[in-house]
Protein backbone atom coordinates (compact mmCIF):
# COMPACT_ATOMS: atom_id res chain seq x y z
CA MET A 1 -18.79 -2.82 -12.54
CA ARG A 2 -15.88 -3.13 -11.35
CA LYS A 3 -13.82 -0.47 -9.46
CA PRO A 4 -10.80 0.05 -11.41
CA ASN A 5 -7.34 -0.83 -10.40
CA ILE A 6 -4.44 1.72 -8.98
CA LEU A 7 -0.65 1.14 -9.89
CA LEU A 8 1.17 4.26 -8.12
CA ILE A 9 4.67 3.91 -9.58
CA VAL A 10 6.95 5.92 -7.28
CA LEU A 11 10.61 7.07 -8.97
CA ASP A 12 12.98 7.98 -5.47
CA ALA A 13 15.12 10.91 -5.87
CA THR A 14 13.91 11.09 -9.68
CA ARG A 15 14.25 14.29 -11.31
CA TYR A 16 11.83 16.15 -13.89
CA ASP A 17 14.74 17.16 -15.87
CA TYR A 18 16.23 13.88 -16.30
CA CYS A 19 13.43 12.32 -18.22
CA SER A 20 13.26 12.51 -22.19
CA CYS A 21 9.78 13.48 -22.10
CA TYR A 22 10.23 16.19 -19.86
CA GLY A 23 12.37 17.80 -22.18
CA TYR A 24 16.19 15.99 -21.52
CA ASP A 25 18.00 15.95 -24.30
CA ARG A 26 19.29 12.12 -24.11
CA LEU A 27 16.88 9.38 -24.36
CA THR A 28 16.44 8.50 -20.86
CA THR A 29 12.70 7.68 -20.43
CA PRO A 30 11.75 6.02 -23.36
CA ASN A 31 9.19 3.85 -21.69
CA LEU A 32 7.69 6.65 -19.34
CA ASP A 33 7.41 9.05 -22.26
CA HIS A 34 5.24 6.40 -24.46
CA LEU A 35 3.03 6.58 -20.84
CA ALA A 36 2.96 10.20 -21.31
CA GLU A 37 2.27 10.02 -25.06
CA GLU A 38 -1.12 7.66 -23.96
CA GLY A 39 -1.51 9.77 -20.58
CA VAL A 40 -1.23 13.46 -18.78
CA LEU A 41 1.69 14.59 -18.02
CA PHE A 42 1.91 17.68 -15.10
CA GLU A 43 4.82 20.06 -15.90
CA ASN A 44 4.63 21.04 -12.24
CA ALA A 45 4.23 18.69 -9.77
CA ILE A 46 5.50 19.81 -6.68
CA SER A 47 6.82 17.33 -3.73
CA PRO A 48 5.88 18.81 -0.16
CA ALA A 49 9.56 17.48 1.55
CA PRO A 50 12.35 16.71 -0.01
CA TRP A 51 13.53 13.44 0.90
CA THR A 52 11.27 10.20 1.40
CA LEU A 53 10.05 10.07 4.36
CA PRO A 54 7.93 13.00 4.56
CA ALA A 55 7.30 12.81 1.06
CA PHE A 56 5.66 9.38 0.70
CA ALA A 57 3.24 10.49 3.78
CA ALA A 58 1.90 13.09 1.71
CA ILE A 59 1.02 11.20 -1.21
CA LEU A 60 -0.23 7.93 0.77
CA THR A 61 -2.28 10.89 3.36
CA GLY A 62 -2.81 13.63 1.18
CA LEU A 63 -1.78 16.20 3.76
CA TYR A 64 1.65 18.42 3.92
CA PRO A 65 4.44 16.79 6.89
CA SER A 66 3.65 19.63 9.40
CA GLN A 67 -0.01 18.40 9.12
CA THR A 68 1.18 14.88 10.41
CA GLY A 69 3.92 15.77 13.01
CA ILE A 70 6.28 12.96 10.70
CA TYR A 71 9.64 15.79 10.35
CA ILE A 72 9.45 15.77 14.50
CA THR A 73 8.30 11.81 15.05
CA ARG A 74 9.40 9.89 11.89
CA MET A 75 6.52 7.99 12.61
CA LEU A 76 3.16 8.05 10.61
CA ASP A 77 0.56 8.09 13.27
CA PRO A 78 -2.22 5.64 12.36
CA GLN A 79 -5.30 8.41 13.11
CA TYR A 80 -4.46 9.28 9.51
CA ASP A 81 -6.29 7.39 7.22
CA THR A 82 -3.68 6.37 4.23
CA ILE A 83 -4.67 5.41 0.97
CA ALA A 84 -4.22 1.42 1.43
CA ARG A 85 -6.46 1.90 4.29
CA VAL A 86 -9.59 3.55 2.90
CA LEU A 87 -9.34 1.44 -0.42
CA GLY A 88 -9.32 -1.16 1.71
CA ARG A 89 -13.14 -0.67 3.52
CA HIS A 90 -14.15 -0.44 -0.44
CA GLY A 91 -12.84 -3.91 -1.36
CA TYR A 92 -9.44 -3.45 -2.38
CA CYS A 93 -6.60 -5.06 -1.51
CA SER A 94 -3.41 -3.60 -1.43
CA PHE A 95 0.71 -4.08 -2.34
CA ILE A 96 4.06 -2.27 -1.75
CA ILE A 97 6.95 -3.50 -2.21
CA SER A 98 10.29 -1.25 -1.91
CA SER A 99 13.92 -1.64 -0.48
CA ASN A 100 13.79 1.28 1.50
CA SER A 101 13.80 0.57 4.98
CA TRP A 102 11.50 4.27 5.66
CA LEU A 103 8.98 1.86 3.91
CA SER A 104 9.14 -0.22 6.49
CA THR A 105 6.53 -1.13 9.83
CA ASP A 106 9.15 0.71 11.92
CA PHE A 107 8.13 4.27 10.35
CA GLY A 108 4.22 3.07 10.10
CA LEU A 109 3.75 4.26 6.47
CA VAL A 110 3.12 0.97 5.19
CA ASN A 111 0.97 -0.03 8.19
CA ASP A 112 -2.52 -0.36 6.21
CA PHE A 113 -1.04 -2.39 2.89
CA ASP A 114 -2.14 -6.04 3.02
CA THR A 115 0.64 -7.19 1.83
CA ILE A 116 4.64 -5.28 2.21
CA HIS A 117 7.27 -7.13 0.66
CA LYS A 118 11.13 -6.04 1.47
CA LEU A 119 13.40 -6.13 -1.20
CA TRP A 120 16.33 -6.61 1.53
CA GLN A 121 13.94 -9.54 2.59
CA LEU A 122 15.08 -13.12 0.51
CA TRP A 123 12.73 -14.69 3.51
CA GLN A 124 9.81 -12.05 3.89
CA ILE A 125 8.90 -12.59 7.77
CA ASP A 126 7.52 -9.90 10.05
CA ASP A 127 9.21 -10.39 13.49
CA ASP A 128 12.40 -9.44 12.40
CA VAL A 129 15.73 -7.35 13.44
CA THR A 130 13.59 -4.74 10.66
CA SER A 131 11.59 -4.36 13.07
CA VAL A 132 12.21 -5.32 16.68
CA ASN A 133 12.65 -1.83 18.75
CA VAL A 134 16.80 -1.32 19.84
CA ILE A 135 18.36 1.57 19.21
CA TYR A 136 17.84 2.59 22.69
CA ARG A 137 18.04 -0.31 24.24
CA THR A 138 21.98 -0.36 23.08
CA LYS A 139 24.72 1.65 25.35
CA ASN A 140 25.97 4.88 24.06
CA ASN A 141 29.41 3.25 23.64
CA GLU A 142 28.50 -0.29 22.81
CA ASN A 143 28.75 -0.68 19.06
CA ILE A 144 24.95 -1.02 17.85
CA TYR A 145 25.98 -3.63 14.84
CA ARG A 146 27.49 -6.31 17.75
CA ALA A 147 24.33 -5.19 20.13
CA ALA A 148 21.88 -6.02 17.19
CA VAL A 149 23.76 -9.84 16.74
CA LYS A 150 24.15 -10.22 20.27
CA SER A 151 19.77 -9.17 20.75
CA TYR A 152 17.93 -9.75 18.39
CA LEU A 153 20.15 -12.17 15.60
CA LEU A 154 21.50 -15.24 18.35
CA LYS A 155 17.73 -14.77 20.07
CA LYS A 156 15.12 -14.57 17.50
CA ASN A 157 14.62 -16.13 14.11
CA ALA A 158 18.63 -16.37 13.31
CA PHE A 159 18.89 -18.37 10.40
CA GLN A 160 16.36 -16.12 8.46
CA ASN A 161 17.85 -12.74 9.17
CA VAL A 162 21.34 -14.31 8.80
CA ILE A 163 20.24 -15.05 5.22
CA ASN A 164 18.24 -11.75 4.71
CA TYR A 165 21.40 -9.89 5.82
CA ILE A 166 23.88 -12.29 3.77
CA TYR A 167 20.59 -11.96 0.96
CA TYR A 168 20.99 -7.71 0.86
CA ARG A 169 24.60 -7.58 0.87
CA ILE A 170 25.15 -9.23 -2.01
CA THR A 171 22.06 -7.76 -3.81
CA GLN A 172 22.95 -4.17 -3.62
CA ARG A 173 25.89 -5.18 -5.07
CA ILE A 174 24.05 -5.81 -8.57
CA ASP A 175 21.18 -3.15 -8.04
CA THR A 176 18.66 -1.90 -5.41
CA GLY A 177 15.37 -3.89 -6.28
CA ALA A 178 14.82 -3.24 -10.20
CA SER A 179 15.58 -6.07 -11.23
CA ARG A 180 13.70 -8.58 -8.63
CA THR A 181 10.48 -5.96 -8.61
CA LEU A 182 8.10 -8.07 -11.18
CA GLY A 183 8.52 -11.57 -9.73
CA PRO A 184 6.58 -10.35 -6.53
CA PHE A 185 4.47 -8.37 -7.70
CA LYS A 186 2.91 -11.07 -10.62
CA ARG A 187 2.76 -13.16 -7.96
CA TRP A 188 0.51 -11.33 -5.67
CA LEU A 189 -1.57 -10.06 -8.22
CA ALA A 190 -2.05 -13.52 -9.48
CA LYS A 191 -3.71 -14.03 -5.89
CA GLN A 192 -6.49 -11.32 -6.73
CA ASN A 193 -9.63 -11.67 -7.40
CA GLY A 194 -11.33 -8.15 -6.77
CA PRO A 195 -9.91 -4.34 -7.39
CA TRP A 196 -6.34 -3.71 -6.43
CA PHE A 197 -4.35 -0.71 -4.69
CA ALA A 198 -0.29 -1.75 -5.90
CA VAL A 199 2.58 0.50 -4.67
CA ILE A 200 5.72 -0.13 -7.21
CA HIS A 201 9.18 1.88 -5.19
CA PHE A 202 12.20 2.23 -7.75
CA MET A 203 15.60 3.47 -6.03
CA GLU A 204 17.75 3.38 -8.70
CA ALA A 205 17.85 6.94 -8.79
CA HIS A 206 18.63 7.59 -5.79
CA LEU A 207 22.45 7.95 -4.48
CA PRO A 208 24.50 5.29 -4.19
CA TYR A 209 24.43 5.27 -8.54
CA ARG A 210 26.06 1.94 -9.00
CA PRO A 211 24.03 1.33 -12.60
CA PRO A 212 25.12 -1.41 -14.31
CA ARG A 213 28.91 -1.06 -16.79
CA SER A 214 26.42 -1.31 -19.92
CA TRP A 215 24.02 1.18 -18.97
CA TRP A 216 27.36 3.82 -17.76
CA GLN A 217 29.38 3.46 -20.40
CA ARG A 218 25.98 5.01 -22.36
CA PHE A 219 26.26 7.74 -20.69
CA ALA A 220 29.53 8.41 -19.82
CA ARG A 221 31.12 11.06 -21.71
CA ASN A 222 34.48 10.77 -19.60
CA PRO A 223 34.64 6.59 -18.99
CA ARG A 224 37.43 6.81 -17.59
CA LEU A 225 36.50 9.40 -14.34
CA VAL A 226 32.67 7.75 -14.84
CA ARG A 227 33.97 4.43 -13.79
CA ARG A 228 36.41 6.04 -11.17
CA LEU A 229 32.76 8.02 -9.12
CA HIS A 230 31.39 4.52 -9.65
CA LYS A 231 33.60 2.93 -7.86
CA ALA A 232 34.19 5.79 -5.16
CA ASP A 233 32.78 5.54 -1.71
CA GLN A 234 29.67 7.56 -2.94
CA ARG A 235 28.86 8.82 0.37
CA ARG A 236 32.41 10.05 1.62
CA ILE A 237 31.55 12.41 -1.40
CA PHE A 238 28.69 14.06 -1.22
CA TRP A 239 29.47 14.49 2.57
CA ARG A 240 32.48 16.30 2.28
CA HIS A 241 31.15 17.84 -0.92
CA ASN A 242 28.03 19.56 0.80
CA ALA A 243 30.09 20.61 3.88
CA GLY A 244 32.09 22.07 1.05
CA VAL A 245 35.31 20.53 1.85
CA GLU A 246 36.36 18.51 -0.93
CA GLN A 247 34.07 19.74 -3.99
CA LEU A 248 33.98 17.86 -7.41
CA THR A 249 35.18 20.10 -10.23
CA GLU A 250 32.86 20.61 -13.29
CA GLU A 251 35.18 17.95 -15.21
CA GLU A 252 33.42 15.55 -12.21
CA LEU A 253 30.42 16.93 -11.94
CA GLU A 254 29.64 16.13 -15.35
CA ALA A 255 30.58 12.34 -14.67
CA TRP A 256 27.88 12.12 -11.87
CA ARG A 257 25.73 13.94 -13.79
CA ASP A 258 26.16 11.55 -16.09
CA LEU A 259 26.15 8.13 -13.41
CA TYR A 260 22.76 9.55 -12.19
CA ALA A 261 21.43 9.86 -15.84
CA ALA A 262 22.49 5.88 -16.23
CA GLU A 263 20.43 5.26 -12.80
CA VAL A 264 17.54 6.81 -14.84
CA ALA A 265 17.89 5.19 -17.58
CA TYR A 266 17.82 1.82 -15.96
CA GLN A 267 15.05 2.03 -13.75
CA ASP A 268 12.96 3.26 -16.98
CA ALA A 269 13.47 -0.49 -18.68
CA TYR A 270 12.24 -1.99 -15.61
CA LEU A 271 9.51 0.34 -15.50
CA GLY A 272 8.96 -0.27 -19.18
CA GLN A 273 8.58 -4.45 -18.25
CA LEU A 274 6.53 -3.71 -15.60
CA LEU A 275 3.90 -1.55 -18.20
CA ASN A 276 4.19 -4.20 -20.54
CA TRP A 277 3.37 -6.86 -18.47
CA LEU A 278 0.34 -5.43 -17.61
CA ARG A 279 -0.47 -4.99 -21.50
CA ILE A 280 0.15 -8.41 -22.32
CA THR A 281 -2.59 -9.67 -19.59
CA ASP A 282 -5.01 -7.65 -20.05
CA GLN A 283 -4.46 -5.24 -17.50
CA TYR A 284 -3.02 -1.83 -19.03
CA ASP A 285 -6.26 -0.59 -20.09
CA SER A 286 -8.34 -1.48 -16.72
CA THR A 287 -5.32 0.29 -14.05
CA CYS A 288 -5.11 3.87 -13.38
CA ILE A 289 -1.22 4.11 -13.34
CA ILE A 290 0.48 6.74 -12.22
CA VAL A 291 4.46 7.81 -12.05
CA VAL A 292 5.83 10.64 -9.94
CA GLY A 293 9.08 11.27 -8.54
CA ASP A 294 9.09 11.45 -4.42
CA HIS A 295 11.16 13.78 -4.28
CA GLY A 296 14.44 14.90 -6.66
CA GLU A 297 17.81 15.13 -6.77
CA ASN A 298 21.00 17.75 -6.19
CA LEU A 299 23.41 17.10 -9.20
CA GLY A 300 25.78 19.93 -7.78
CA GLU A 301 23.77 23.30 -8.09
CA HIS A 302 24.21 25.44 -4.86
CA GLY A 303 26.92 23.10 -4.62
CA LEU A 304 25.24 20.35 -3.15
CA LEU A 305 24.67 16.71 -3.84
CA ASN A 306 22.58 13.79 -2.72
CA HIS A 307 18.70 15.06 -1.22
CA GLN A 308 19.43 16.99 1.53
CA TYR A 309 19.04 21.04 3.18
CA CYS A 310 17.56 22.70 0.71
CA LEU A 311 13.52 23.36 -1.31
CA TYR A 312 15.51 24.33 -4.61
CA GLU A 313 13.60 22.79 -8.06
CA PRO A 314 15.88 20.23 -8.02
CA LEU A 315 14.58 18.27 -5.07
CA ILE A 316 10.94 19.58 -4.95
CA HIS A 317 10.51 19.80 -9.11
CA VAL A 318 9.19 15.96 -9.76
CA PRO A 319 7.78 14.30 -12.87
CA LEU A 320 4.11 12.95 -12.68
CA ILE A 321 2.51 10.93 -15.06
CA ILE A 322 -1.28 9.46 -14.73
CA ARG A 323 -2.85 7.38 -17.33
CA TYR A 324 -6.40 6.20 -17.51
CA PRO A 325 -8.54 6.35 -20.87
CA PRO A 326 -10.99 6.43 -18.75
CA TYR A 327 -10.84 9.59 -17.29
CA PHE A 328 -7.74 11.21 -18.33
CA SER A 329 -7.16 12.17 -22.31
CA GLN A 330 -4.31 11.26 -24.62
CA GLY A 331 -1.37 13.31 -24.87
CA ASN A 332 -2.37 16.25 -22.79
CA ARG A 333 0.09 18.31 -20.65
CA VAL A 334 -0.69 20.15 -18.13
CA SER A 335 0.66 23.46 -17.44
CA THR A 336 -0.83 24.91 -13.93
CA LEU A 337 1.19 23.74 -10.60
CA VAL A 338 -0.49 20.87 -8.66
CA SER A 339 1.50 18.96 -5.80
CA THR A 340 2.17 15.36 -5.83
CA LEU A 341 -0.33 15.50 -2.42
CA ASP A 342 -2.95 16.05 -4.85
CA ILE A 343 -2.68 11.83 -5.49
CA TYR A 344 -5.16 11.21 -3.14
CA GLN A 345 -7.75 12.44 -3.78
CA THR A 346 -7.51 11.60 -7.46
CA ILE A 347 -7.42 8.48 -6.30
CA MET A 348 -10.39 8.60 -3.79
CA ASP A 349 -12.49 10.09 -6.91
CA VAL A 350 -11.02 7.35 -10.02
CA ALA A 351 -11.54 4.42 -7.36
CA GLY A 352 -15.17 6.55 -6.47
CA VAL A 353 -14.52 6.23 -3.19
CA LYS A 354 -15.22 8.65 -0.32
CA GLY A 355 -12.54 9.64 1.40
CA PRO A 356 -11.41 11.70 4.61
CA ARG A 357 -11.12 15.70 4.18
CA VAL A 358 -7.23 16.06 3.68
CA GLU A 359 -5.50 18.91 1.71
CA SER A 360 -5.36 16.85 -1.72
CA ARG A 361 -7.23 17.56 -4.83
CA SER A 362 -8.24 16.01 -7.52
CA LEU A 363 -6.10 15.98 -10.34
CA LEU A 364 -9.30 15.37 -12.70
CA GLU A 365 -10.51 18.69 -12.22
CA ALA A 366 -8.43 21.33 -13.81
CA THR A 367 -8.71 23.88 -10.77
CA ALA A 368 -5.05 25.52 -10.50
CA ARG A 369 -3.26 25.77 -6.86
CA PRO A 370 -2.41 29.37 -6.49
CA PHE A 371 0.56 27.90 -4.68
CA VAL A 372 2.47 25.43 -3.47
CA ILE A 373 3.82 24.24 -0.16
CA SER A 374 7.11 22.52 0.00
CA GLU A 375 8.97 21.31 3.85
CA TYR A 376 11.83 20.55 5.11
CA GLY A 377 12.14 20.02 8.84
CA THR A 378 15.58 20.70 11.07
CA PRO A 379 18.08 18.52 9.52
CA ARG A 380 19.94 15.71 12.31
CA THR A 381 23.12 16.86 13.19
CA PRO A 382 25.62 13.18 12.19
CA PRO A 383 27.22 12.00 14.96
CA MET A 384 31.14 12.55 15.62
CA SER A 385 31.55 9.20 15.47
CA ILE A 386 30.15 9.32 11.80
CA LEU A 387 31.76 12.57 10.68
CA SER A 388 34.82 11.98 11.60
CA LYS A 389 34.86 9.17 9.01
CA PHE A 390 34.71 11.93 6.23
CA GLY A 391 37.32 14.70 8.22
CA LEU A 392 34.58 16.73 8.66
CA THR A 393 33.13 18.21 12.17
CA PRO A 394 29.63 19.40 13.27
CA GLN A 395 30.85 22.60 12.92
CA HIS A 396 31.34 21.76 8.93
CA LEU A 397 27.30 21.08 8.76
CA LYS A 398 26.38 24.11 10.96
CA ARG A 399 24.99 26.72 8.68
CA PHE A 400 22.05 23.47 7.43
CA GLU A 401 20.78 24.06 11.00
CA ARG A 402 17.56 25.41 10.17
CA GLY A 403 13.84 24.19 9.24
CA LEU A 404 12.88 25.32 5.76
CA THR A 405 9.59 26.42 4.22
CA ALA A 406 8.72 27.40 0.07
CA LEU A 407 6.54 28.86 -0.97
CA ARG A 408 6.19 28.36 -4.54
CA THR A 409 3.43 30.52 -7.39
CA ASP A 410 3.39 30.00 -11.24
CA GLN A 411 6.56 32.30 -11.19
CA TYR A 412 7.45 33.07 -7.99
CA LYS A 413 9.46 31.46 -5.13
CA LEU A 414 10.27 32.05 -1.49
CA ILE A 415 11.74 29.97 1.26
CA VAL A 416 11.73 31.22 4.26
CA GLY A 417 14.30 29.68 7.20
CA THR A 418 13.84 29.13 11.54
CA ASP A 419 17.01 31.06 11.41
CA GLY A 420 15.73 34.32 9.46
CA SER A 421 16.52 33.38 6.03
CA LEU A 422 14.49 34.32 3.01
CA GLU A 423 14.94 33.92 -0.48
CA LEU A 424 13.08 35.00 -3.05
CA TYR A 425 13.47 33.56 -6.85
CA ASP A 426 11.77 34.61 -10.76
CA ILE A 427 11.68 31.17 -11.29
CA GLN A 428 10.32 31.73 -14.88
CA ALA A 429 13.15 34.25 -15.36
CA ASP A 430 15.50 32.55 -12.96
CA PRO A 431 15.03 28.79 -13.73
CA ALA A 432 18.22 27.40 -11.86
CA GLU A 433 17.45 30.16 -8.84
CA ARG A 434 20.96 32.11 -9.16
CA THR A 435 19.56 35.18 -8.36
CA ASN A 436 17.96 36.10 -4.49
CA LEU A 437 15.40 38.33 -5.27
CA ALA A 438 14.64 38.99 -1.57
CA SER A 439 16.09 42.45 -1.18
CA GLN A 440 15.27 43.83 -4.33
CA ARG A 441 11.48 42.57 -4.07
CA LEU A 442 10.31 43.54 -0.52
CA ASP A 443 6.88 43.81 -1.78
CA LEU A 444 6.97 40.93 -3.13
CA VAL A 445 8.32 39.49 -0.06
CA GLU A 446 5.56 41.23 2.37
CA GLN A 447 3.37 39.56 -0.32
CA PHE A 448 3.86 36.12 -0.16
CA LYS A 449 5.26 36.13 3.79
CA ALA A 450 1.46 37.20 4.34
CA MET A 451 -0.08 34.61 2.10
CA LEU A 452 2.22 32.05 4.44
CA ALA A 453 1.42 33.11 7.57
CA ASP A 454 -2.01 32.82 6.82
CA TRP A 455 -1.48 30.11 4.92
CA GLN A 456 -0.39 28.16 8.22
CA GLN A 457 -2.73 29.77 10.94
CA VAL A 458 -5.81 28.10 8.40
CA HIS A 459 -3.94 24.61 8.77
CA GLU A 460 -2.70 25.30 11.73
CA THR A 461 1.25 24.71 11.59
CA SER A 462 3.58 26.57 11.88
CA LEU A 463 7.86 26.78 10.32
CA VAL A 464 9.09 23.39 10.75
CA ASP A 465 11.58 23.96 13.58
CA GLN A 466 11.88 21.19 15.41
CA GLN A 467 14.71 18.22 15.10
CA ALA A 468 13.85 15.12 15.51
CA THR A 469 16.35 12.03 15.77
CA ILE A 470 15.88 8.64 14.74
CA GLU A 471 14.14 7.09 17.98
CA GLU A 472 13.17 3.65 18.39
CA VAL A 473 14.70 1.87 15.22
CA ASP A 474 16.45 -1.64 14.37
CA PRO A 475 19.38 -1.42 13.27
CA SER A 476 19.47 -3.02 10.41
CA VAL A 477 17.12 -0.64 9.03
CA VAL A 478 19.43 2.19 10.77
CA GLU A 479 22.36 0.56 8.79
CA ARG A 480 20.47 0.39 5.09
CA LEU A 481 19.20 3.90 6.12
CA ARG A 482 23.41 4.89 6.15
CA GLU A 483 23.53 2.97 3.31
CA LEU A 484 21.48 5.36 1.74
CA GLY A 485 23.06 8.51 3.43
CA TYR A 486 20.17 9.74 5.59
CA LEU A 487 21.99 9.25 8.65
CA ASP A 488 25.39 9.98 7.77
């Protein structure tokens, strides 16, 4: 009997509560909703990390970020068996497509895939500026882009790299890859004769939010304001907002959220095209389809935008839906607490293969986790040359220089900072996490701290408190990460 195909669809920066199947009051995700009706929706799926690199690493390895050390190294060590590597040993071919540079070979997450399709390239080449370590060969006072051109564009694959750069700049004005995803996937799949594992990474809900006009008009309650924010320098907006220097008003935040909702809906339309193509080609029922958010997004909660500096619910509570009729009953909603790293063992069980012993627990089983862990490593302070563009200094972001670890149960969440901070929230009574109960419920704080200490001892980890730098990364990668808001 042929093993099932596995399709993992990752919705970058997609909040669960902006999906209509999770209760959003406007229809944003009709295609995801239909998938949920045919499969299982997990109501309380929690990501181990609030941004792509560590969150993806957890999904692909079944391990927490502190176990792989990825917050410190910014590189997944090849000693860890990824899903692609394990399935490859059992006859699976693998494919991944993304427009996020964290999913380039520079960071190790995708190196086990047979085929890597980089949506920032028209000319798919391996030996390009995204795979050449350069940043530490650039002098401190030298312009990194000038150094890249001098050292690489003019010496290695010059023509292809120039074409790819122009292609990237043009296509980014259209969308972040959703409209160009299905074609490469279909071409790859046409060549496969055996079971396959594919990862489709949608980036539309990731900042900057620039959905096509026809889409933002559907959701704009204040078209004039939405249009202004759509055209604005959104990186400047979120950095100054997070620093507390120039924050969006409530009216502006509503427009900001409308742009985000439009991106979620635009993304869902292309998700629908992908799922419909599987139906047309009679691969829908023979494929285990998993749709998950790698992390969520701040939309003004706690004075924050984008996905940095916290472990509140908007960043770690994500959508998770699985459809595969042989193992998952139709229309079921699971309220028990699960972690997105549980996807790892679930895929192993569906494929009928044995992988390494990891932290992942199969979602085929009804065993509930008593708690889940999320981790946020101490963030890198943007260089002064970048901050000055936004009228900021390192002091404006000083309060965010701490690592965070969250222990979340069904009812409570304890967030422990490496700076000694403690936050305790009753998630059921206070889902917006507005009231810190740490000083009032010392009994619960001590109980959860003891649970966290025991967990760290068993897993031989500690609070994530070491600040990493982006080492040995190519300038074109740095530029794309900067445009996504990670480095400035």
